[in-house]
Amino acid sequence: MDKVRIKIFGKVQGIGYRWFIFEVAKKKNLCGWVRNLTDGSVECCIKGCIDDINDFINEIKTGHPSAVIEKIEVSKVEDEIELPEEFTIKY
């Protein structure tokens, strides 16, 4: 299993984007979490098979009708960092 942290910049808050990410992650059988950040971006950490992670990233780039994605940063997460087994939304 791979783990990645994804930070999404653009118009991604106040439009249901975290819920959209939650639904996509569930559909792809990924675990982890998503949250809004104070700088206006959205961050998520996910764990799963690399093909599902890549599909997830492609879908969150283009699948939400109101989001305007300016940039996405993806970085590997250390194996020691534990992620929840169910995908959750952090508040």
N, C-alpha and C. Protein backbone atom coordinates (compact mmCIF):
# COMPACT_ATOMS: atom_id res chain seq x y z
N MET A 1 0.83 -1.18 0.00
CA MET A 1 0.00 0.00 0.00
C MET A 1 0.88 1.24 0.00
N ASP A 2 0.47 2.21 -0.77
CA ASP A 2 1.16 3.50 -0.83
C ASP A 2 0.39 4.53 -0.02
N LYS A 3 1.10 5.54 0.49
CA LYS A 3 0.50 6.65 1.22
C LYS A 3 0.99 7.95 0.60
N VAL A 4 0.05 8.86 0.35
CA VAL A 4 0.43 10.16 -0.19
C VAL A 4 -0.35 11.27 0.50
N ARG A 5 0.26 12.45 0.53
CA ARG A 5 -0.40 13.68 0.98
C ARG A 5 -0.64 14.51 -0.26
N ILE A 6 -1.85 15.04 -0.38
CA ILE A 6 -2.23 15.84 -1.54
C ILE A 6 -2.73 17.18 -1.02
N LYS A 7 -2.21 18.26 -1.59
CA LYS A 7 -2.68 19.60 -1.26
C LYS A 7 -3.22 20.23 -2.54
N ILE A 8 -4.49 20.67 -2.46
CA ILE A 8 -5.18 21.20 -3.63
C ILE A 8 -5.40 22.69 -3.43
N PHE A 9 -4.95 23.50 -4.39
CA PHE A 9 -5.07 24.95 -4.34
C PHE A 9 -6.07 25.42 -5.39
N GLY A 10 -6.76 26.50 -5.07
CA GLY A 10 -7.72 27.09 -6.00
C GLY A 10 -9.02 27.37 -5.29
N LYS A 11 -10.11 27.37 -6.04
CA LYS A 11 -11.44 27.55 -5.45
C LYS A 11 -11.93 26.16 -5.01
N VAL A 12 -11.61 25.81 -3.75
CA VAL A 12 -11.92 24.47 -3.26
C VAL A 12 -12.59 24.47 -1.89
N GLN A 13 -12.87 25.65 -1.34
CA GLN A 13 -13.56 25.71 -0.06
C GLN A 13 -14.91 26.39 -0.24
N GLY A 14 -15.88 25.97 0.56
CA GLY A 14 -17.22 26.54 0.51
C GLY A 14 -18.07 26.05 -0.65
N ILE A 15 -17.66 24.93 -1.27
CA ILE A 15 -18.39 24.41 -2.43
C ILE A 15 -18.68 22.91 -2.31
N GLY A 16 -18.43 22.33 -1.14
CA GLY A 16 -18.65 20.90 -0.95
C GLY A 16 -17.52 20.04 -1.48
N TYR A 17 -16.35 20.62 -1.63
CA TYR A 17 -15.23 19.88 -2.22
C TYR A 17 -14.74 18.76 -1.30
N ARG A 18 -14.72 18.97 0.02
CA ARG A 18 -14.30 17.90 0.94
C ARG A 18 -15.24 16.71 0.82
N TRP A 19 -16.55 16.98 0.72
CA TRP A 19 -17.51 15.89 0.58
C TRP A 19 -17.32 15.16 -0.75
N PHE A 20 -17.00 15.91 -1.79
CA PHE A 20 -16.70 15.31 -3.08
C PHE A 20 -15.49 14.38 -2.97
N ILE A 21 -14.42 14.86 -2.33
CA ILE A 21 -13.22 14.04 -2.12
C ILE A 21 -13.57 12.80 -1.31
N PHE A 22 -14.37 12.97 -0.27
CA PHE A 22 -14.82 11.85 0.56
C PHE A 22 -15.49 10.78 -0.30
N GLU A 23 -16.41 11.18 -1.15
CA GLU A 23 -17.14 10.23 -2.01
C GLU A 23 -16.21 9.53 -3.00
N VAL A 24 -15.28 10.28 -3.60
CA VAL A 24 -14.34 9.68 -4.55
C VAL A 24 -13.44 8.68 -3.84
N ALA A 25 -12.96 9.03 -2.65
CA ALA A 25 -12.09 8.12 -1.89
C ALA A 25 -12.82 6.84 -1.53
N LYS A 26 -14.08 6.96 -1.11
CA LYS A 26 -14.87 5.77 -0.77
C LYS A 26 -15.05 4.89 -2.01
N LYS A 27 -15.36 5.52 -3.14
CA LYS A 27 -15.56 4.78 -4.39
C LYS A 27 -14.30 4.02 -4.81
N LYS A 28 -13.14 4.61 -4.53
CA LYS A 28 -11.85 3.99 -4.91
C LYS A 28 -11.30 3.09 -3.81
N ASN A 29 -12.05 2.91 -2.71
CA ASN A 29 -11.62 2.07 -1.57
C ASN A 29 -10.31 2.54 -0.95
N LEU A 30 -10.17 3.86 -0.84
CA LEU A 30 -9.00 4.45 -0.20
C LEU A 30 -9.33 4.79 1.25
N CYS A 31 -8.33 4.81 2.10
CA CYS A 31 -8.55 5.25 3.47
C CYS A 31 -7.69 6.48 3.72
N GLY A 32 -8.00 7.21 4.81
CA GLY A 32 -7.28 8.43 5.13
C GLY A 32 -8.21 9.51 5.60
N TRP A 33 -7.90 10.77 5.24
CA TRP A 33 -8.70 11.90 5.68
C TRP A 33 -8.55 13.08 4.74
N VAL A 34 -9.47 14.05 4.88
CA VAL A 34 -9.42 15.30 4.13
C VAL A 34 -9.79 16.43 5.08
N ARG A 35 -9.21 17.63 4.86
CA ARG A 35 -9.52 18.79 5.70
C ARG A 35 -9.26 20.08 4.93
N ASN A 36 -9.95 21.15 5.36
CA ASN A 36 -9.67 22.50 4.87
C ASN A 36 -8.47 23.04 5.63
N LEU A 37 -7.66 23.85 4.96
CA LEU A 37 -6.56 24.54 5.62
C LEU A 37 -6.85 26.04 5.65
N THR A 38 -6.22 26.73 6.58
CA THR A 38 -6.49 28.16 6.76
C THR A 38 -6.05 29.01 5.58
N ASP A 39 -5.17 28.50 4.74
CA ASP A 39 -4.73 29.27 3.57
C ASP A 39 -5.69 29.17 2.38
N GLY A 40 -6.85 28.48 2.58
CA GLY A 40 -7.85 28.34 1.53
C GLY A 40 -7.71 27.09 0.69
N SER A 41 -6.68 26.29 0.96
CA SER A 41 -6.48 25.04 0.22
C SER A 41 -7.16 23.89 0.95
N VAL A 42 -7.16 22.73 0.32
CA VAL A 42 -7.67 21.50 0.91
C VAL A 42 -6.53 20.49 0.90
N GLU A 43 -6.39 19.76 2.01
CA GLU A 43 -5.34 18.75 2.13
C GLU A 43 -5.96 17.41 2.43
N CYS A 44 -5.41 16.36 1.83
CA CYS A 44 -5.84 15.01 2.19
C CYS A 44 -4.64 14.08 2.23
N CYS A 45 -4.73 13.07 3.08
CA CYS A 45 -3.75 12.00 3.13
C CYS A 45 -4.51 10.72 2.83
N ILE A 46 -3.99 9.95 1.91
CA ILE A 46 -4.70 8.74 1.50
C ILE A 46 -3.73 7.56 1.44
N LYS A 47 -4.33 6.39 1.62
CA LYS A 47 -3.57 5.14 1.53
C LYS A 47 -4.35 4.19 0.64
N GLY A 48 -3.62 3.50 -0.23
CA GLY A 48 -4.25 2.52 -1.10
C GLY A 48 -3.30 2.07 -2.18
N CYS A 49 -3.81 1.34 -3.12
CA CYS A 49 -3.01 0.86 -4.25
C CYS A 49 -2.71 2.04 -5.18
N ILE A 50 -1.53 2.10 -5.73
CA ILE A 50 -1.07 3.25 -6.51
C ILE A 50 -1.98 3.54 -7.70
N ASP A 51 -2.54 2.52 -8.34
CA ASP A 51 -3.45 2.77 -9.46
C ASP A 51 -4.71 3.49 -8.99
N ASP A 52 -5.25 3.08 -7.84
CA ASP A 52 -6.43 3.74 -7.29
C ASP A 52 -6.11 5.17 -6.87
N ILE A 53 -4.93 5.38 -6.31
CA ILE A 53 -4.51 6.73 -5.92
C ILE A 53 -4.41 7.62 -7.16
N ASN A 54 -3.80 7.12 -8.22
CA ASN A 54 -3.69 7.92 -9.45
C ASN A 54 -5.06 8.23 -10.05
N ASP A 55 -5.97 7.26 -10.04
CA ASP A 55 -7.33 7.50 -10.51
C ASP A 55 -8.03 8.56 -9.66
N PHE A 56 -7.82 8.47 -8.33
CA PHE A 56 -8.38 9.43 -7.39
C PHE A 56 -7.90 10.84 -7.73
N ILE A 57 -6.59 11.00 -7.92
CA ILE A 57 -6.02 12.31 -8.22
C ILE A 57 -6.61 12.86 -9.52
N ASN A 58 -6.70 12.03 -10.54
CA ASN A 58 -7.27 12.49 -11.82
C ASN A 58 -8.73 12.93 -11.65
N GLU A 59 -9.49 12.19 -10.87
CA GLU A 59 -10.91 12.53 -10.69
C GLU A 59 -11.09 13.81 -9.87
N ILE A 60 -10.27 14.01 -8.84
CA ILE A 60 -10.46 15.23 -8.03
C ILE A 60 -9.98 16.48 -8.77
N LYS A 61 -9.17 16.30 -9.81
CA LYS A 61 -8.73 17.45 -10.61
C LYS A 61 -9.87 18.01 -11.46
N THR A 62 -10.75 17.14 -11.93
CA THR A 62 -11.71 17.57 -12.94
C THR A 62 -13.17 17.26 -12.62
N GLY A 63 -13.43 16.47 -11.58
CA GLY A 63 -14.78 15.95 -11.38
C GLY A 63 -15.77 16.84 -10.66
N HIS A 64 -15.31 17.85 -9.92
CA HIS A 64 -16.25 18.70 -9.18
C HIS A 64 -16.64 19.89 -10.06
N PRO A 65 -17.95 20.11 -10.27
CA PRO A 65 -18.38 21.14 -11.22
C PRO A 65 -18.07 22.58 -10.81
N SER A 66 -17.93 22.85 -9.50
CA SER A 66 -17.70 24.23 -9.05
C SER A 66 -16.25 24.52 -8.68
N ALA A 67 -15.42 23.50 -8.58
CA ALA A 67 -14.02 23.70 -8.18
C ALA A 67 -13.22 24.28 -9.33
N VAL A 68 -12.29 25.15 -8.96
CA VAL A 68 -11.32 25.68 -9.92
C VAL A 68 -9.95 25.32 -9.35
N ILE A 69 -9.35 24.29 -9.90
CA ILE A 69 -8.07 23.79 -9.41
C ILE A 69 -6.93 24.56 -10.08
N GLU A 70 -6.14 25.23 -9.24
CA GLU A 70 -4.98 25.97 -9.76
C GLU A 70 -3.72 25.13 -9.73
N LYS A 71 -3.60 24.30 -8.67
CA LYS A 71 -2.37 23.50 -8.51
C LYS A 71 -2.66 22.36 -7.54
N ILE A 72 -2.01 21.23 -7.77
CA ILE A 72 -2.07 20.10 -6.85
C ILE A 72 -0.65 19.66 -6.55
N GLU A 73 -0.34 19.55 -5.26
CA GLU A 73 0.97 19.05 -4.84
C GLU A 73 0.77 17.66 -4.23
N VAL A 74 1.57 16.71 -4.67
CA VAL A 74 1.49 15.34 -4.16
C VAL A 74 2.85 14.97 -3.59
N SER A 75 2.86 14.45 -2.37
CA SER A 75 4.12 14.00 -1.76
C SER A 75 3.90 12.68 -1.05
N LYS A 76 4.95 11.88 -1.00
CA LYS A 76 4.90 10.59 -0.33
C LYS A 76 4.84 10.80 1.18
N VAL A 77 4.09 9.94 1.86
CA VAL A 77 3.96 9.98 3.31
C VAL A 77 4.77 8.83 3.89
N GLU A 78 5.48 9.10 4.97
CA GLU A 78 6.28 8.07 5.62
C GLU A 78 5.40 6.92 6.10
N ASP A 79 5.94 5.71 6.04
CA ASP A 79 5.19 4.53 6.44
C ASP A 79 4.77 4.54 7.90
N GLU A 80 5.55 5.22 8.76
CA GLU A 80 5.25 5.22 10.19
C GLU A 80 3.98 5.99 10.52
N ILE A 81 3.59 6.90 9.66
CA ILE A 81 2.40 7.71 9.91
C ILE A 81 1.16 6.84 9.70
N GLU A 82 0.36 6.77 10.76
CA GLU A 82 -0.86 5.96 10.71
C GLU A 82 -2.01 6.77 10.14
N LEU A 83 -2.80 6.15 9.28
CA LEU A 83 -4.00 6.76 8.75
C LEU A 83 -5.20 5.92 9.16
N PRO A 84 -6.37 6.55 9.35
CA PRO A 84 -7.55 5.77 9.72
C PRO A 84 -7.91 4.77 8.62
N GLU A 85 -8.50 3.67 9.00
CA GLU A 85 -8.90 2.64 8.03
C GLU A 85 -10.11 3.05 7.21
N GLU A 86 -10.93 3.93 7.75
CA GLU A 86 -12.06 4.50 7.02
C GLU A 86 -11.69 5.91 6.60
N PHE A 87 -12.15 6.33 5.44
CA PHE A 87 -11.88 7.70 5.02
C PHE A 87 -12.77 8.65 5.82
N THR A 88 -12.19 9.73 6.34
CA THR A 88 -12.92 10.66 7.19
C THR A 88 -12.70 12.10 6.75
N ILE A 89 -13.62 12.95 7.17
CA ILE A 89 -13.50 14.40 6.95
C ILE A 89 -13.11 15.00 8.29
N LYS A 90 -11.99 15.73 8.31
CA LYS A 90 -11.57 16.41 9.54
C LYS A 90 -12.15 17.81 9.54
N TYR A 91 -12.58 18.24 10.72
CA TYR A 91 -13.14 19.60 10.87
C TYR A 91 -12.26 20.41 11.78
